[in-house]
Amino acid sequence: MENKNEFEIFNDKGEKITCNALFTFESDETGKNYIVYTDNTTDEEGNKKVYASTFDPKEENPVLGPIETDEEWKVTENILNKLQEGTKSE
């Protein structure tokens, strides 16, 4: 893969899917690192599907983990909302 923001994951069916990292962030609230990414598919309304997972940036080949708590989802949603608001004003 030539794009350093590109990575591959396997779906529930064992199929390889190429994804693009949109951004990463570390939360002081949870003490975890998160990655927000897309598989470049769209929903019924034509919006690009976006996903979020935890990861350990110290690992050479980080493994994506689930966001497990409501607090983690709230932190992630707040970051996404702030970014979305920023793009609307540009």
N, C-alpha and C. Protein backbone atom coordinates (compact mmCIF):
# COMPACT_ATOMS: atom_id res chain seq x y z
N MET A 1 0.85 -1.18 0.00
CA MET A 1 0.00 0.00 0.00
C MET A 1 0.89 1.23 0.00
N GLU A 2 0.60 2.15 -0.87
CA GLU A 2 1.41 3.34 -1.00
C GLU A 2 1.00 4.45 -0.04
N ASN A 3 -0.27 4.57 0.25
CA ASN A 3 -0.77 5.63 1.11
C ASN A 3 -0.58 5.22 2.56
N LYS A 4 0.17 6.04 3.34
CA LYS A 4 0.44 5.66 4.73
C LYS A 4 -0.80 5.72 5.61
N ASN A 5 -1.86 6.39 5.14
CA ASN A 5 -3.11 6.44 5.89
C ASN A 5 -4.03 5.27 5.55
N GLU A 6 -3.57 4.41 4.67
CA GLU A 6 -4.37 3.28 4.22
C GLU A 6 -3.96 2.03 5.00
N PHE A 7 -4.96 1.25 5.40
CA PHE A 7 -4.67 0.00 6.09
C PHE A 7 -5.76 -1.01 5.76
N GLU A 8 -5.50 -2.25 6.07
CA GLU A 8 -6.46 -3.31 5.75
C GLU A 8 -6.97 -3.97 7.03
N ILE A 9 -8.24 -4.31 7.00
CA ILE A 9 -8.86 -5.06 8.08
C ILE A 9 -9.65 -6.20 7.46
N PHE A 10 -10.10 -7.11 8.29
CA PHE A 10 -10.94 -8.20 7.82
C PHE A 10 -12.33 -8.04 8.44
N ASN A 11 -13.36 -8.19 7.62
CA ASN A 11 -14.72 -8.07 8.13
C ASN A 11 -15.18 -9.39 8.75
N ASP A 12 -16.43 -9.42 9.17
CA ASP A 12 -16.99 -10.61 9.82
C ASP A 12 -16.95 -11.85 8.94
N LYS A 13 -16.92 -11.65 7.63
CA LYS A 13 -16.91 -12.76 6.68
C LYS A 13 -15.50 -13.19 6.30
N GLY A 14 -14.48 -12.53 6.90
CA GLY A 14 -13.10 -12.86 6.58
C GLY A 14 -12.58 -12.19 5.33
N GLU A 15 -13.35 -11.25 4.78
CA GLU A 15 -12.94 -10.54 3.58
C GLU A 15 -12.04 -9.36 3.95
N LYS A 16 -10.99 -9.17 3.13
CA LYS A 16 -10.06 -8.07 3.37
C LYS A 16 -10.68 -6.77 2.85
N ILE A 17 -10.65 -5.73 3.69
CA ILE A 17 -11.21 -4.44 3.33
C ILE A 17 -10.13 -3.37 3.51
N THR A 18 -9.97 -2.53 2.49
CA THR A 18 -9.02 -1.43 2.58
C THR A 18 -9.73 -0.23 3.18
N CYS A 19 -9.12 0.35 4.21
CA CYS A 19 -9.68 1.51 4.90
C CYS A 19 -8.69 2.67 4.86
N ASN A 20 -9.22 3.86 5.10
CA ASN A 20 -8.39 5.06 5.19
C ASN A 20 -8.57 5.68 6.56
N ALA A 21 -7.44 5.91 7.25
CA ALA A 21 -7.47 6.60 8.53
C ALA A 21 -7.77 8.07 8.27
N LEU A 22 -8.78 8.60 8.95
CA LEU A 22 -9.12 10.01 8.81
C LEU A 22 -8.34 10.84 9.82
N PHE A 23 -8.27 10.35 11.06
CA PHE A 23 -7.46 10.99 12.09
C PHE A 23 -7.38 10.09 13.31
N THR A 24 -6.43 10.39 14.17
CA THR A 24 -6.29 9.70 15.44
C THR A 24 -6.26 10.75 16.54
N PHE A 25 -6.59 10.32 17.74
CA PHE A 25 -6.51 11.23 18.88
C PHE A 25 -6.36 10.43 20.16
N GLU A 26 -5.80 11.11 21.16
CA GLU A 26 -5.67 10.53 22.49
C GLU A 26 -6.61 11.28 23.41
N SER A 27 -7.34 10.57 24.22
CA SER A 27 -8.29 11.18 25.15
C SER A 27 -7.70 11.23 26.55
N ASP A 28 -7.64 12.43 27.10
CA ASP A 28 -7.21 12.57 28.50
C ASP A 28 -8.24 11.96 29.43
N GLU A 29 -9.51 11.99 29.02
CA GLU A 29 -10.60 11.48 29.85
C GLU A 29 -10.53 9.96 30.04
N THR A 30 -10.22 9.25 28.96
CA THR A 30 -10.21 7.79 29.04
C THR A 30 -8.80 7.21 29.10
N GLY A 31 -7.80 8.01 28.72
CA GLY A 31 -6.43 7.52 28.70
C GLY A 31 -6.15 6.57 27.55
N LYS A 32 -7.01 6.57 26.54
CA LYS A 32 -6.86 5.67 25.40
C LYS A 32 -6.63 6.47 24.12
N ASN A 33 -6.12 5.78 23.11
CA ASN A 33 -5.95 6.33 21.77
C ASN A 33 -7.03 5.77 20.87
N TYR A 34 -7.49 6.61 19.95
CA TYR A 34 -8.58 6.24 19.05
C TYR A 34 -8.19 6.54 17.61
N ILE A 35 -8.76 5.78 16.69
CA ILE A 35 -8.60 6.02 15.28
C ILE A 35 -10.00 6.13 14.68
N VAL A 36 -10.19 7.12 13.84
CA VAL A 36 -11.44 7.30 13.11
C VAL A 36 -11.10 7.04 11.65
N TYR A 37 -11.85 6.16 11.02
CA TYR A 37 -11.51 5.72 9.67
C TYR A 37 -12.77 5.44 8.85
N THR A 38 -12.55 5.25 7.55
CA THR A 38 -13.65 4.93 6.64
C THR A 38 -13.22 3.77 5.74
N ASP A 39 -14.21 3.01 5.30
CA ASP A 39 -13.96 1.98 4.30
C ASP A 39 -14.41 2.46 2.93
N ASN A 40 -14.73 3.76 2.85
CA ASN A 40 -15.12 4.45 1.62
C ASN A 40 -16.43 3.95 1.03
N THR A 41 -17.26 3.34 1.86
CA THR A 41 -18.60 2.99 1.42
C THR A 41 -19.55 4.10 1.88
N THR A 42 -20.75 4.11 1.34
CA THR A 42 -21.72 5.13 1.71
C THR A 42 -23.00 4.49 2.22
N ASP A 43 -23.74 5.26 3.01
CA ASP A 43 -25.03 4.79 3.51
C ASP A 43 -26.11 5.10 2.48
N GLU A 44 -27.35 4.84 2.84
CA GLU A 44 -28.48 5.03 1.93
C GLU A 44 -28.65 6.49 1.49
N GLU A 45 -28.17 7.41 2.32
CA GLU A 45 -28.31 8.84 2.01
C GLU A 45 -27.09 9.41 1.29
N GLY A 46 -26.13 8.55 0.97
CA GLY A 46 -24.94 8.99 0.25
C GLY A 46 -23.83 9.53 1.13
N ASN A 47 -23.97 9.39 2.46
CA ASN A 47 -22.93 9.84 3.38
C ASN A 47 -21.87 8.76 3.53
N LYS A 48 -20.60 9.18 3.56
CA LYS A 48 -19.51 8.22 3.73
C LYS A 48 -19.59 7.62 5.12
N LYS A 49 -19.49 6.30 5.21
CA LYS A 49 -19.52 5.61 6.50
C LYS A 49 -18.19 5.81 7.22
N VAL A 50 -18.28 6.14 8.51
CA VAL A 50 -17.12 6.42 9.34
C VAL A 50 -17.20 5.53 10.57
N TYR A 51 -16.05 5.00 10.98
CA TYR A 51 -15.97 4.09 12.11
C TYR A 51 -14.91 4.59 13.09
N ALA A 52 -14.97 4.13 14.32
CA ALA A 52 -13.97 4.49 15.32
C ALA A 52 -13.60 3.26 16.13
N SER A 53 -12.33 3.18 16.49
CA SER A 53 -11.82 2.07 17.29
C SER A 53 -10.71 2.58 18.20
N THR A 54 -10.38 1.77 19.19
CA THR A 54 -9.22 2.05 20.02
C THR A 54 -8.01 1.40 19.36
N PHE A 55 -6.81 1.87 19.70
CA PHE A 55 -5.59 1.24 19.23
C PHE A 55 -4.43 1.68 20.12
N ASP A 56 -3.35 0.94 20.07
CA ASP A 56 -2.14 1.27 20.82
C ASP A 56 -1.09 1.75 19.82
N PRO A 57 -0.80 3.06 19.81
CA PRO A 57 0.13 3.59 18.81
C PRO A 57 1.57 3.12 19.00
N LYS A 58 1.87 2.50 20.12
CA LYS A 58 3.23 2.01 20.37
C LYS A 58 3.49 0.68 19.68
N GLU A 59 2.42 -0.01 19.28
CA GLU A 59 2.57 -1.29 18.60
C GLU A 59 2.98 -1.07 17.14
N GLU A 60 3.85 -1.93 16.65
CA GLU A 60 4.28 -1.82 15.25
C GLU A 60 3.12 -2.05 14.30
N ASN A 61 2.30 -3.06 14.60
CA ASN A 61 1.10 -3.35 13.81
C ASN A 61 -0.10 -3.31 14.75
N PRO A 62 -0.61 -2.10 15.02
CA PRO A 62 -1.69 -1.97 16.01
C PRO A 62 -2.93 -2.78 15.63
N VAL A 63 -3.55 -3.32 16.66
CA VAL A 63 -4.79 -4.06 16.50
C VAL A 63 -5.92 -3.12 16.91
N LEU A 64 -6.96 -3.05 16.09
CA LEU A 64 -8.11 -2.20 16.42
C LEU A 64 -8.96 -2.89 17.48
N GLY A 65 -9.36 -2.10 18.47
CA GLY A 65 -10.20 -2.63 19.53
C GLY A 65 -11.54 -1.91 19.57
N PRO A 66 -12.49 -2.48 20.25
CA PRO A 66 -13.83 -1.87 20.31
C PRO A 66 -13.87 -0.69 21.28
N ILE A 67 -14.77 0.21 21.00
CA ILE A 67 -15.11 1.27 21.96
C ILE A 67 -16.18 0.66 22.83
N GLU A 68 -15.88 0.54 24.13
CA GLU A 68 -16.70 -0.30 25.00
C GLU A 68 -17.67 0.43 25.92
N THR A 69 -17.40 1.68 26.22
CA THR A 69 -18.24 2.35 27.21
C THR A 69 -18.96 3.56 26.61
N ASP A 70 -20.01 3.97 27.28
CA ASP A 70 -20.74 5.17 26.86
C ASP A 70 -19.82 6.39 26.93
N GLU A 71 -18.94 6.43 27.93
CA GLU A 71 -18.01 7.55 28.06
C GLU A 71 -17.10 7.65 26.84
N GLU A 72 -16.60 6.51 26.38
CA GLU A 72 -15.74 6.50 25.19
C GLU A 72 -16.50 6.98 23.96
N TRP A 73 -17.73 6.52 23.80
CA TRP A 73 -18.53 6.96 22.65
C TRP A 73 -18.80 8.46 22.73
N LYS A 74 -19.05 8.96 23.92
CA LYS A 74 -19.32 10.39 24.10
C LYS A 74 -18.10 11.22 23.70
N VAL A 75 -16.91 10.79 24.14
CA VAL A 75 -15.67 11.49 23.78
C VAL A 75 -15.49 11.49 22.26
N THR A 76 -15.67 10.35 21.64
CA THR A 76 -15.50 10.23 20.19
C THR A 76 -16.53 11.07 19.44
N GLU A 77 -17.78 11.02 19.86
CA GLU A 77 -18.82 11.81 19.20
C GLU A 77 -18.57 13.30 19.35
N ASN A 78 -18.07 13.74 20.52
CA ASN A 78 -17.75 15.16 20.72
C ASN A 78 -16.66 15.62 19.75
N ILE A 79 -15.63 14.80 19.56
CA ILE A 79 -14.56 15.13 18.62
C ILE A 79 -15.12 15.23 17.21
N LEU A 80 -15.92 14.26 16.81
CA LEU A 80 -16.50 14.27 15.46
C LEU A 80 -17.41 15.49 15.26
N ASN A 81 -18.21 15.82 16.25
CA ASN A 81 -19.09 16.99 16.15
C ASN A 81 -18.30 18.28 16.01
N LYS A 82 -17.22 18.41 16.78
CA LYS A 82 -16.38 19.61 16.68
C LYS A 82 -15.75 19.73 15.30
N LEU A 83 -15.28 18.62 14.77
CA LEU A 83 -14.69 18.63 13.43
C LEU A 83 -15.72 18.97 12.37
N GLN A 84 -16.91 18.41 12.51
CA GLN A 84 -17.98 18.68 11.56
C GLN A 84 -18.39 20.15 11.60
N GLU A 85 -18.47 20.73 12.79
CA GLU A 85 -18.80 22.14 12.92
C GLU A 85 -17.73 23.00 12.26
N GLY A 86 -16.47 22.62 12.41
CA GLY A 86 -15.37 23.35 11.82
C GLY A 86 -15.41 23.33 10.31
N THR A 87 -15.83 22.22 9.70
CA THR A 87 -15.88 22.16 8.25
C THR A 87 -17.08 22.90 7.70
N LYS A 88 -18.13 23.05 8.48
CA LYS A 88 -19.31 23.80 8.02
C LYS A 88 -19.03 25.30 7.92
N SER A 89 -18.13 25.81 8.78
CA SER A 89 -17.87 27.24 8.80
C SER A 89 -16.83 27.65 7.76
N GLU A 90 -16.19 26.69 7.12
CA GLU A 90 -15.16 27.02 6.12
C GLU A 90 -15.78 27.33 4.78
